Amino acid sequence: MNQFNVIMKKVSPLLWFFLCICLPVTSVYAQQDRDDSNYLAGAVPEVNGKVVYSQEFAVAGMSQEQIYQRMLRWMEARLKQNDNNSRIVYTNPDKGEIVGMGDEWIVFQSTVLSLDRTRILYQLSAVCAPGQCTVKMERISFIYREGAEKYTAEEWVTDKYALNKAKTKLVRGLAKWRRKTVDFATDMFGSAAAALSIAPVTQPAQPAAPVTTPSAPVTLKEVSPANLSADLIAMGAGRLVIAIGKDAFNMVTMTANAGGSLGKMSGKTVVFTLLAPDQPHEQMDKADTYTVRFYPTGATQPTVVLECEKLPSQAPLEGQPRMYIGEVVKAFAQK
């Protein structure tokens, strides 16, 4: 028995060593069963064979100059977060145009023993006009393993290369690249939406024109989320109310005091809702599904109702609105 105990004492350190190596591998294989529906066909949009992420924002009641200044401040702050060569390279206030070059890190995995990451380079642009703004991210490329490997988005994360022939699964070797690129774009456009929804600092808000509440009930009809127009919800033209829970007696409701908007992301219709920095947010953090209702200014009945599934979104910067992104799974709009 004593001899057995001596052998086990010698073997135990080896067992722990192999367990420490094998457990991360087991974790990787367990993640193969994850839900990748948000990263399949259409998640990486292409225009004329080039990867181009584009988002149009409706900003009711704002001049081109106001939108331009907000986007300029946002892009400067966004690019300054990086320690590489990110910078604004072109501005044209008269045309409302801003162009920046991004150079930053995407981390695939970080452990005590290793760091797996890639540099991502991209062009970021904003074109501002009265009441609207278009933001694009394009010319995306990657520099991996300290420059030993270089890839363009077109040859690395598009449907052609990163999905199987049936377009139902991610190709194992490229899965992490596809996921992280889509998440990166989601965060980028969510950040832009938050910047456009921040209340003006230098100019007071203009009072909205009164709207007569209709005496008859508003009639809503179901609409395909893909057919929703972005201008159904215009920032500054009403209020967004978030409802969490389906039981009327236990339902939690709150107004998105910082605003929100409709848009497209990864080929899906989404709604951005923003809570002010001082608003309670614990219920939204816990929710997987919720409903967004849009009330035009002065109205007591919603003209748009959106049933949503919550998507990942970035943590807010200190003092900035807290943003939530919901994929619209069912929509109702006024006839």
Protein backbone atom coordinates (compact mmCIF):
# COMPACT_ATOMS: atom_id res chain seq x y z
CA MET A 1 0.00 0.00 0.00
CA ASN A 2 2.86 2.35 0.84
CA GLN A 3 4.40 1.68 -2.56
CA PHE A 4 1.06 2.53 -4.26
CA ASN A 5 0.87 5.84 -2.41
CA VAL A 6 4.38 6.73 -3.52
CA ILE A 7 3.49 6.00 -7.15
CA MET A 8 0.31 8.10 -6.98
CA LYS A 9 2.19 11.06 -5.53
CA LYS A 10 4.52 10.96 -8.51
CA VAL A 11 1.70 10.52 -11.03
CA SER A 12 -0.60 13.22 -9.62
CA PRO A 13 1.43 16.22 -10.87
CA LEU A 14 1.46 14.67 -14.34
CA LEU A 15 -2.30 14.16 -14.25
CA TRP A 16 -2.85 17.80 -13.31
CA PHE A 17 -0.55 18.90 -16.10
CA PHE A 18 -2.45 16.94 -18.74
CA LEU A 19 -5.80 18.07 -17.33
CA CYS A 20 -4.75 21.71 -17.65
CA ILE A 21 -3.87 21.08 -21.30
CA CYS A 22 -6.92 19.00 -22.18
CA LEU A 23 -9.61 21.12 -20.50
CA PRO A 24 -9.17 24.11 -22.85
CA VAL A 25 -9.29 21.72 -25.81
CA THR A 26 -12.51 20.19 -24.46
CA SER A 27 -13.93 23.69 -24.12
CA VAL A 28 -13.11 24.45 -27.75
CA TYR A 29 -14.90 21.35 -28.98
CA ALA A 30 -17.88 22.13 -26.76
CA GLN A 31 -18.19 25.51 -28.47
CA GLN A 32 -18.64 23.80 -31.83
CA ASP A 33 -22.31 23.27 -30.90
CA ARG A 34 -22.88 27.00 -30.39
CA ASP A 35 -25.63 28.87 -32.24
CA ASP A 36 -23.98 30.50 -35.27
CA SER A 37 -27.19 31.68 -36.96
CA ASN A 38 -26.09 35.32 -36.72
CA TYR A 39 -22.91 34.54 -38.68
CA LEU A 40 -24.30 32.57 -41.63
CA ALA A 41 -25.28 33.69 -45.16
CA GLY A 42 -25.46 37.45 -45.55
CA ALA A 43 -23.72 38.27 -42.27
CA VAL A 44 -20.75 39.63 -44.24
CA PRO A 45 -22.32 41.87 -46.94
CA GLU A 46 -20.69 42.27 -50.35
CA VAL A 47 -21.05 45.05 -52.93
CA ASN A 48 -19.58 44.26 -56.36
CA GLY A 49 -17.42 41.54 -54.84
CA LYS A 50 -16.12 43.75 -52.02
CA VAL A 51 -16.98 43.49 -48.33
CA VAL A 52 -18.86 46.67 -47.42
CA TYR A 53 -20.72 47.15 -44.17
CA SER A 54 -23.17 50.05 -44.50
CA GLN A 55 -25.79 51.53 -42.21
CA GLU A 56 -28.22 54.39 -42.86
CA PHE A 57 -29.52 56.38 -39.88
CA ALA A 58 -32.61 58.59 -39.88
CA VAL A 59 -32.05 61.58 -37.56
CA ALA A 60 -35.22 63.66 -37.63
CA GLY A 61 -34.92 67.37 -36.90
CA MET A 62 -31.14 67.62 -37.22
CA SER A 63 -29.26 69.74 -39.73
CA GLN A 64 -26.34 68.43 -41.77
CA GLU A 65 -23.96 70.49 -39.64
CA GLN A 66 -25.28 69.04 -36.38
CA ILE A 67 -24.98 65.48 -37.66
CA TYR A 68 -21.54 66.18 -39.14
CA GLN A 69 -20.21 67.53 -35.83
CA ARG A 70 -21.54 64.55 -33.90
CA MET A 71 -20.03 62.07 -36.31
CA LEU A 72 -16.72 63.92 -36.37
CA ARG A 73 -16.49 63.81 -32.57
CA TRP A 74 -17.53 60.16 -32.56
CA MET A 75 -15.01 59.08 -35.19
CA GLU A 76 -12.17 61.00 -33.54
CA ALA A 77 -12.93 59.38 -30.17
CA ARG A 78 -13.47 55.94 -31.71
CA LEU A 79 -10.16 55.94 -33.57
CA LYS A 80 -8.21 57.41 -30.64
CA GLN A 81 -9.04 54.29 -28.62
CA ASN A 82 -6.42 52.41 -30.66
CA ASP A 83 -2.66 52.52 -30.09
CA ASN A 84 -1.84 51.84 -33.74
CA ASN A 85 -2.16 54.14 -36.78
CA SER A 86 -5.91 54.86 -36.65
CA ARG A 87 -6.74 58.43 -37.66
CA ILE A 88 -9.08 60.69 -39.64
CA VAL A 89 -7.62 61.29 -43.08
CA TYR A 90 -10.25 63.45 -44.81
CA THR A 91 -13.00 65.87 -43.88
CA ASN A 92 -15.33 68.04 -45.97
CA PRO A 93 -17.86 69.95 -43.85
CA ASP A 94 -19.63 71.41 -46.89
CA LYS A 95 -20.39 67.95 -48.27
CA GLY A 96 -20.76 66.39 -44.82
CA GLU A 97 -18.03 63.82 -45.51
CA ILE A 98 -15.60 62.24 -43.03
CA VAL A 99 -13.13 59.41 -43.77
CA GLY A 100 -10.91 57.61 -41.28
CA MET A 101 -8.47 54.70 -41.37
CA GLY A 102 -8.68 52.14 -38.57
CA ASP A 103 -5.85 49.91 -37.33
CA GLU A 104 -6.55 47.91 -34.20
CA TRP A 105 -6.54 44.48 -32.59
CA ILE A 106 -9.15 41.73 -32.59
CA VAL A 107 -8.50 39.16 -29.86
CA PHE A 108 -9.59 35.58 -30.57
CA GLN A 109 -8.40 34.08 -27.31
CA SER A 110 -6.35 35.29 -24.38
CA THR A 111 -4.97 32.98 -21.69
CA VAL A 112 -2.13 33.05 -19.22
CA LEU A 113 0.03 31.07 -21.62
CA SER A 114 -0.96 32.47 -25.00
CA LEU A 115 -2.53 35.37 -26.88
CA ASP A 116 -4.23 34.71 -30.21
CA ARG A 117 -5.05 37.97 -31.98
CA THR A 118 -4.96 39.73 -35.35
CA ARG A 119 -4.68 43.32 -36.49
CA ILE A 120 -7.67 44.52 -38.47
CA LEU A 121 -7.29 47.42 -40.89
CA TYR A 122 -10.34 49.19 -42.34
CA GLN A 123 -11.69 52.38 -43.87
CA LEU A 124 -14.50 54.11 -41.98
CA SER A 125 -16.59 56.82 -43.60
CA ALA A 126 -19.62 58.95 -42.79
CA VAL A 127 -21.71 61.00 -45.22
CA CYS A 128 -24.02 63.46 -43.46
CA ALA A 129 -27.11 65.17 -44.86
CA PRO A 130 -30.10 66.94 -43.32
CA GLY A 131 -31.95 64.37 -41.22
CA GLN A 132 -29.81 61.40 -42.20
CA CYS A 133 -26.35 59.85 -42.11
CA THR A 134 -24.73 56.91 -43.89
CA VAL A 135 -21.81 55.12 -42.22
CA LYS A 136 -19.64 52.59 -44.07
CA MET A 137 -16.84 50.24 -43.10
CA GLU A 138 -14.90 48.74 -46.02
CA ARG A 139 -11.43 47.84 -47.35
CA ILE A 140 -11.05 45.40 -44.47
CA SER A 141 -7.85 43.35 -44.16
CA PHE A 142 -6.03 41.37 -41.49
CA ILE A 143 -2.38 41.09 -40.41
CA TYR A 144 -1.78 37.91 -38.42
CA ARG A 145 1.17 36.39 -36.57
CA GLU A 146 3.22 39.59 -36.43
CA GLY A 147 2.87 40.20 -40.15
CA ALA A 148 3.72 36.67 -41.28
CA GLU A 149 0.19 36.21 -42.68
CA LYS A 150 -1.92 38.82 -44.47
CA TYR A 151 -5.47 38.40 -45.72
CA THR A 152 -8.24 40.54 -47.16
CA ALA A 153 -11.82 40.19 -45.97
CA GLU A 154 -12.85 39.17 -49.48
CA GLU A 155 -10.62 36.08 -49.41
CA TRP A 156 -11.08 35.16 -45.78
CA VAL A 157 -14.50 35.86 -44.20
CA THR A 158 -17.01 35.99 -47.09
CA ASP A 159 -19.75 33.41 -47.66
CA LYS A 160 -17.67 31.78 -50.40
CA TYR A 161 -14.79 30.88 -48.10
CA ALA A 162 -16.06 30.92 -44.53
CA LEU A 163 -19.26 28.85 -45.04
CA ASN A 164 -19.77 25.27 -46.16
CA LYS A 165 -21.36 24.60 -49.55
CA ALA A 166 -24.85 24.38 -48.05
CA LYS A 167 -24.31 27.74 -46.24
CA THR A 168 -25.45 26.09 -43.01
CA LYS A 169 -22.18 26.00 -41.03
CA LEU A 170 -18.98 27.95 -40.59
CA VAL A 171 -15.79 26.41 -41.91
CA ARG A 172 -13.85 25.39 -38.82
CA GLY A 173 -10.55 27.11 -39.63
CA LEU A 174 -12.24 30.41 -40.53
CA ALA A 175 -15.05 30.39 -37.97
CA LYS A 176 -13.27 32.58 -35.44
CA TRP A 177 -12.43 35.15 -38.14
CA ARG A 178 -16.00 35.30 -39.40
CA ARG A 179 -17.51 35.63 -35.91
CA LYS A 180 -15.11 38.30 -34.73
CA THR A 181 -15.46 40.35 -37.94
CA VAL A 182 -19.26 40.35 -37.70
CA ASP A 183 -19.11 41.24 -33.99
CA PHE A 184 -16.62 44.01 -34.74
CA ALA A 185 -18.97 45.56 -37.32
CA THR A 186 -21.95 45.20 -34.98
CA ASP A 187 -20.12 47.12 -32.26
CA MET A 188 -18.96 49.77 -34.72
CA PHE A 189 -22.44 50.64 -36.00
CA GLY A 190 -23.96 50.37 -32.55
CA SER A 191 -21.43 52.92 -31.35
CA ALA A 192 -22.35 55.24 -34.25
CA ALA A 193 -26.05 54.91 -33.39
CA ALA A 194 -25.33 55.82 -29.79
CA ALA A 195 -23.38 58.91 -30.90
CA LEU A 196 -26.27 60.13 -33.03
CA SER A 197 -28.73 59.64 -30.18
CA ILE A 198 -26.84 61.68 -27.57
CA ALA A 199 -28.63 64.91 -26.71
CA PRO A 200 -26.86 68.01 -28.15
CA VAL A 201 -24.41 69.67 -25.78
CA THR A 202 -23.98 73.09 -27.39
CA GLN A 203 -27.50 73.64 -28.72
CA PRO A 204 -30.74 73.34 -26.76
CA ALA A 205 -33.31 70.84 -27.93
CA GLN A 206 -36.04 72.37 -30.07
CA PRO A 207 -39.63 71.82 -28.88
CA ALA A 208 -41.47 69.32 -31.02
CA ALA A 209 -44.55 70.42 -32.89
CA PRO A 210 -47.74 69.29 -31.12
CA VAL A 211 -49.42 66.22 -32.50
CA THR A 212 -53.13 65.68 -32.13
CA THR A 213 -53.92 62.36 -30.55
CA PRO A 214 -56.31 60.41 -32.80
CA SER A 215 -59.70 59.78 -31.29
CA ALA A 216 -60.04 56.38 -32.97
CA PRO A 217 -57.80 53.46 -31.95
CA VAL A 218 -54.66 53.01 -34.04
CA THR A 219 -54.94 49.93 -36.25
CA LEU A 220 -51.74 47.96 -36.67
CA LYS A 221 -51.02 45.31 -39.26
CA GLU A 222 -48.24 42.74 -39.25
CA VAL A 223 -45.30 43.61 -41.50
CA SER A 224 -42.32 41.50 -42.50
CA PRO A 225 -39.28 42.80 -40.57
CA ALA A 226 -37.34 42.86 -43.85
CA ASN A 227 -39.84 45.38 -45.27
CA LEU A 228 -39.73 47.87 -42.41
CA SER A 229 -38.69 51.37 -43.43
CA ALA A 230 -35.99 53.02 -41.30
CA ASP A 231 -38.02 56.22 -41.09
CA LEU A 232 -40.84 54.51 -39.17
CA ILE A 233 -38.82 55.37 -36.08
CA ALA A 234 -37.15 58.78 -36.35
CA MET A 235 -35.03 60.06 -33.49
CA GLY A 236 -36.56 63.16 -31.97
CA ALA A 237 -40.04 62.51 -33.42
CA GLY A 238 -41.45 60.47 -30.56
CA ARG A 239 -40.53 58.10 -27.78
CA LEU A 240 -39.55 54.44 -27.60
CA VAL A 241 -41.02 52.33 -24.81
CA ILE A 242 -39.41 48.99 -23.95
CA ALA A 243 -41.61 46.23 -22.51
CA ILE A 244 -40.00 43.18 -20.87
CA GLY A 245 -42.11 40.12 -20.18
CA LYS A 246 -45.37 38.83 -21.65
CA ASP A 247 -47.42 38.65 -18.45
CA ALA A 248 -49.29 41.95 -18.15
CA PHE A 249 -49.21 41.77 -14.34
CA ASN A 250 -45.42 41.29 -14.17
CA MET A 251 -44.37 43.29 -17.22
CA VAL A 252 -41.58 45.86 -16.82
CA THR A 253 -41.75 48.95 -19.04
CA MET A 254 -39.32 51.82 -19.49
CA THR A 255 -38.77 54.66 -21.92
CA ALA A 256 -35.54 54.69 -23.91
CA ASN A 257 -34.71 58.21 -22.79
CA ALA A 258 -31.62 58.47 -25.02
CA GLY A 259 -33.54 57.45 -28.16
CA GLY A 260 -33.10 54.78 -30.80
CA SER A 261 -33.56 53.91 -34.45
CA LEU A 262 -34.32 51.14 -36.94
CA GLY A 263 -31.63 49.75 -39.21
CA LYS A 264 -29.99 46.75 -40.86
CA MET A 265 -27.14 44.72 -39.47
CA SER A 266 -25.63 41.56 -40.90
CA GLY A 267 -28.58 41.32 -43.28
CA LYS A 268 -31.13 41.45 -40.47
CA THR A 269 -33.52 44.19 -39.39
CA VAL A 270 -32.56 45.51 -35.96
CA VAL A 271 -33.72 48.23 -33.62
CA PHE A 272 -31.28 50.23 -31.51
CA THR A 273 -32.61 51.41 -28.16
CA LEU A 274 -30.59 53.58 -25.80
CA LEU A 275 -31.05 54.12 -22.09
CA ALA A 276 -29.69 57.30 -20.51
CA PRO A 277 -26.59 56.78 -18.32
CA ASP A 278 -28.61 57.24 -15.12
CA GLN A 279 -31.48 54.90 -16.10
CA PRO A 280 -31.92 51.51 -14.38
CA HIS A 281 -30.81 48.79 -16.79
CA GLU A 282 -30.69 45.55 -14.78
CA GLN A 283 -33.94 44.17 -16.27
CA MET A 284 -32.73 44.79 -19.83
CA ASP A 285 -29.39 43.17 -19.06
CA LYS A 286 -31.19 40.00 -17.94
CA ALA A 287 -33.76 39.89 -20.77
CA ASP A 288 -33.35 37.71 -23.85
CA THR A 289 -36.49 39.01 -25.55
CA TYR A 290 -38.44 42.25 -25.30
CA THR A 291 -40.86 44.49 -27.20
CA VAL A 292 -40.20 48.01 -28.49
CA ARG A 293 -43.15 50.38 -29.05
CA PHE A 294 -42.87 53.72 -30.86
CA TYR A 295 -45.22 56.54 -29.84
CA PRO A 296 -45.18 59.66 -32.06
CA THR A 297 -44.86 62.90 -30.10
CA GLY A 298 -48.15 63.57 -28.27
CA ALA A 299 -49.71 60.20 -29.14
CA THR A 300 -51.08 57.82 -26.52
CA GLN A 301 -51.05 54.75 -28.76
CA PRO A 302 -48.05 53.19 -30.51
CA THR A 303 -47.80 53.24 -34.30
CA VAL A 304 -45.01 50.63 -34.40
CA VAL A 305 -44.61 47.51 -32.24
CA LEU A 306 -41.50 45.36 -32.61
CA GLU A 307 -40.92 41.99 -30.94
CA CYS A 308 -37.18 41.53 -30.52
CA GLU A 309 -34.49 39.05 -29.58
CA LYS A 310 -31.54 40.72 -27.91
CA LEU A 311 -28.19 40.64 -29.72
CA PRO A 312 -24.74 41.21 -28.18
CA SER A 313 -23.74 44.87 -27.83
CA GLN A 314 -20.75 46.71 -26.48
CA ALA A 315 -20.43 48.06 -22.95
CA PRO A 316 -20.95 51.83 -22.82
CA LEU A 317 -18.17 54.31 -22.24
CA GLU A 318 -18.41 56.16 -18.93
CA GLY A 319 -21.16 58.77 -19.02
CA GLN A 320 -22.52 57.57 -22.37
CA PRO A 321 -25.93 55.99 -23.10
CA ARG A 322 -26.30 52.24 -22.68
CA MET A 323 -27.19 50.68 -26.04
CA TYR A 324 -29.19 47.51 -26.74
CA ILE A 325 -29.54 45.90 -30.17
CA GLY A 326 -32.60 43.78 -30.88
CA GLU A 327 -33.22 41.62 -33.93
CA VAL A 328 -36.82 42.26 -35.02
CA VAL A 329 -38.54 38.87 -35.25
CA LYS A 330 -42.11 40.17 -35.56
CA ALA A 331 -43.33 43.66 -36.47
CA PHE A 332 -46.61 45.57 -36.49
CA ALA A 333 -47.08 49.02 -38.00
CA GLN A 334 -49.93 51.48 -38.48
CA LYS A 335 -52.00 50.92 -41.61
